[in-house]
Protein backbone atom coordinates (compact mmCIF):
# COMPACT_ATOMS: atom_id res chain seq x y z
CA UNK A 1 172.81 8.25 122.07
CA UNK A 2 172.65 9.23 118.44
CA UNK A 3 169.92 11.55 117.28
CA UNK A 4 167.81 10.75 114.27
CA UNK A 5 167.08 13.52 111.82
CA UNK A 6 164.14 13.05 109.47
CA UNK A 7 164.15 15.16 106.34
CA UNK A 8 161.15 15.30 104.07
CA UNK A 9 161.02 16.45 100.47
CA UNK A 10 161.42 20.16 99.83
CA UNK A 11 161.43 22.73 97.04
CA UNK A 12 163.12 26.04 96.33
CA UNK A 13 160.36 28.57 97.07
CA UNK A 14 162.15 31.31 95.11
CA UNK A 15 161.22 29.53 91.86
CA UNK A 16 157.55 29.87 92.72
CA UNK A 17 157.66 33.41 94.10
CA UNK A 18 158.93 34.75 90.77
CA UNK A 19 156.23 33.04 88.65
CA UNK A 20 153.83 35.99 88.80
CA UNK A 21 150.09 36.14 89.21
CA UNK A 22 147.64 33.42 88.26
CA UNK A 23 146.40 35.55 85.35
CA UNK A 24 149.93 36.11 84.00
CA UNK A 25 150.74 32.41 84.27
CA UNK A 26 147.55 31.49 82.40
CA UNK A 27 148.31 34.01 79.66
CA UNK A 28 151.85 32.66 79.32
CA UNK A 29 150.55 29.07 78.98
CA UNK A 30 147.46 29.83 76.87
CA UNK A 31 145.01 28.65 79.53
CA UNK A 32 141.49 30.10 79.77
CA UNK A 33 141.43 33.05 82.20
CA UNK A 34 137.73 32.68 83.08
CA UNK A 35 137.54 29.00 84.06
CA UNK A 36 138.23 27.55 87.48
CA UNK A 37 141.13 25.14 87.05
CA UNK A 38 141.66 22.03 89.14
CA UNK A 39 145.23 20.89 88.67
CA UNK A 40 147.39 17.84 89.10
CA UNK A 41 151.11 18.00 88.42
CA UNK A 42 153.03 14.76 88.22
CA UNK A 43 153.41 11.61 86.21
CA UNK A 44 150.27 9.65 85.42
CA UNK A 45 152.00 6.47 86.57
CA UNK A 46 155.19 5.42 88.27
CA UNK A 47 156.75 1.96 88.01
CA UNK A 48 153.63 0.88 86.10
CA UNK A 49 151.43 1.92 89.05
CA UNK A 50 148.51 4.26 88.38
CA UNK A 51 148.82 7.40 90.52
CA UNK A 52 145.14 8.07 91.21
CA UNK A 53 144.33 10.08 88.10
CA UNK A 54 141.52 7.69 87.09
CA UNK A 55 139.71 8.46 90.35
CA UNK A 56 140.53 12.17 89.94
CA UNK A 57 138.83 12.16 86.51
CA UNK A 58 135.75 10.48 88.03
CA UNK A 59 135.65 13.04 90.85
CA UNK A 60 136.03 15.87 88.32
CA UNK A 61 133.07 14.54 86.33
CA UNK A 62 130.90 14.57 89.47
CA UNK A 63 132.10 18.02 90.49
CA UNK A 64 131.76 19.65 87.08
CA UNK A 65 128.16 18.41 86.82
CA UNK A 66 127.35 20.20 90.09
CA UNK A 67 129.08 23.54 89.50
CA UNK A 68 127.19 26.48 87.98
CA UNK A 69 130.12 27.56 85.78
CA UNK A 70 132.42 25.43 83.63
CA UNK A 71 135.67 24.33 85.21
CA UNK A 72 138.71 22.55 83.84
CA UNK A 73 140.87 19.61 84.88
CA UNK A 74 144.53 20.20 84.06
CA UNK A 75 147.01 17.33 84.39
CA UNK A 76 150.64 18.15 83.68
CA UNK A 77 153.35 15.51 83.55
CA UNK A 78 152.37 12.85 81.04
CA UNK A 79 153.38 10.75 79.39
CA UNK A 80 150.93 11.51 76.60
CA UNK A 81 150.71 7.86 75.57
CA UNK A 82 148.81 7.25 78.83
CA UNK A 83 146.59 10.34 78.62
CA UNK A 84 144.23 8.91 75.98
CA UNK A 85 142.78 6.44 78.46
CA UNK A 86 141.90 9.27 80.85
CA UNK A 87 140.43 11.43 78.07
CA UNK A 88 138.18 8.55 76.98
CA UNK A 89 137.12 7.98 80.58
CA UNK A 90 136.19 11.67 80.96
CA UNK A 91 134.22 11.69 77.70
CA UNK A 92 132.44 8.48 78.72
CA UNK A 93 131.39 10.22 81.93
CA UNK A 94 129.91 13.11 79.95
CA UNK A 95 132.72 15.62 80.50
CA UNK A 96 133.14 18.16 77.70
CA UNK A 97 136.36 17.50 75.78
CA UNK A 98 137.51 21.13 76.29
CA UNK A 99 137.20 20.72 80.07
CA UNK A 100 140.09 18.23 80.36
CA UNK A 101 143.65 19.05 79.36
CA UNK A 102 146.58 16.63 79.61
CA UNK A 103 149.98 18.21 79.07
CA UNK A 104 152.99 16.04 78.43
CA UNK A 105 156.17 16.10 80.49
CA UNK A 106 157.26 19.73 80.77
CA UNK A 107 160.62 21.26 81.68
CA UNK A 108 161.18 21.63 85.41
CA UNK A 109 161.43 25.43 85.06
CA UNK A 110 157.82 25.61 83.80
CA UNK A 111 156.26 23.92 86.84
CA UNK A 112 155.73 27.12 88.85
CA UNK A 113 153.68 28.59 85.98
CA UNK A 114 151.51 25.48 85.58
CA UNK A 115 150.85 25.21 89.29
CA UNK A 116 150.19 28.92 89.80
CA UNK A 117 147.62 28.76 86.97
CA UNK A 118 145.38 26.53 89.10
CA UNK A 119 142.63 27.51 91.51
CA UNK A 120 143.19 24.33 93.49
CA UNK A 121 145.75 21.53 93.14
CA UNK A 122 145.11 17.89 93.96
CA UNK A 123 147.20 15.07 95.37
CA UNK A 124 145.18 11.95 94.48
CA UNK A 125 145.73 8.60 96.14
CA UNK A 126 147.65 6.11 94.03
CA UNK A 127 145.65 3.04 93.11
CA UNK A 128 148.22 0.77 94.74
CA UNK A 129 148.25 1.00 98.55
CA UNK A 130 151.92 -0.02 98.72
CA UNK A 131 152.79 3.08 96.74
CA UNK A 132 150.40 5.27 98.77
CA UNK A 133 152.05 4.20 102.03
CA UNK A 134 155.53 5.09 100.88
CA UNK A 135 154.85 8.33 99.04
CA UNK A 136 156.32 11.69 99.99
CA UNK A 137 154.94 13.82 97.17
CA UNK A 138 157.22 16.66 96.15
CA UNK A 139 154.17 18.04 94.32
CA UNK A 140 152.61 18.77 97.72
CA UNK A 141 155.50 21.06 98.60
CA UNK A 142 155.42 22.65 95.14
CA UNK A 143 151.71 23.40 95.56
CA UNK A 144 152.44 24.96 98.95
CA UNK A 145 155.32 27.04 97.54
CA UNK A 146 153.00 28.32 94.80
CA UNK A 147 150.42 29.24 97.47
CA UNK A 148 147.65 27.36 95.68
CA UNK A 149 144.91 25.73 97.80
CA UNK A 150 145.38 21.97 98.13
CA UNK A 151 142.94 19.05 98.20
CA UNK A 152 144.73 15.79 98.99
CA UNK A 153 143.93 12.17 99.65
CA UNK A 154 144.24 11.22 103.28
CA UNK A 155 147.35 8.98 103.29
CA UNK A 156 150.72 8.76 105.02
CA UNK A 157 153.20 11.28 103.71
CA UNK A 158 150.40 13.75 103.04
CA UNK A 159 148.92 13.74 106.55
CA UNK A 160 152.42 14.31 107.91
CA UNK A 161 152.27 17.75 106.28
CA UNK A 162 148.62 18.74 105.78
CA UNK A 163 146.08 19.30 108.53
CA UNK A 164 142.50 19.10 107.29
CA UNK A 165 140.89 22.54 107.23
CA UNK A 166 144.08 24.33 108.29
CA UNK A 167 146.55 24.17 105.41
CA UNK A 168 144.61 21.95 103.02
CA UNK A 169 141.54 19.80 102.61
CA UNK A 170 141.83 16.04 103.00
CA UNK A 171 139.49 13.56 101.35
CA UNK A 172 138.92 9.81 101.19
CA UNK A 173 141.21 8.75 98.35
CA UNK A 174 139.19 5.64 97.56
CA UNK A 175 135.96 7.42 96.58
CA UNK A 176 135.24 9.82 93.72
CA UNK A 177 132.51 11.39 95.87
């Protein structure tokens, strides 16, 4: 009988180990040192499918209204032509313009600095269930390599790697609450 070997996505952890402290990464990127930063790294859409950022913006609006100190939502990966829709959504939900930052596509070598700058990184659920069922997010492994706490939508691909309360927090990806 032949054996089947299943390989998931992976990253080179050495890239992330050399990034430095959160404070140094924020200084390098010009991010505010005093704010809690909730981060998402990845494209805003793939194959014309929304990747869950709309729901992430709604969740951020609810969260930021409840927290005693200002926090920031950082989305890195663009494209910028799509970011305007999310900025307008955030403003319409009462989120301060300075609390939401959308960075365009950045060079691969910068990713460890962007991720390490965050207090928590998010893997939202794509709006299209077909995409959610087939995803194996490299960003999840990048977040782990950067040793940043992870909050992720409960979906296949993610639940193969994360165990709720052990190495990440899982949430219902269909609800901003």
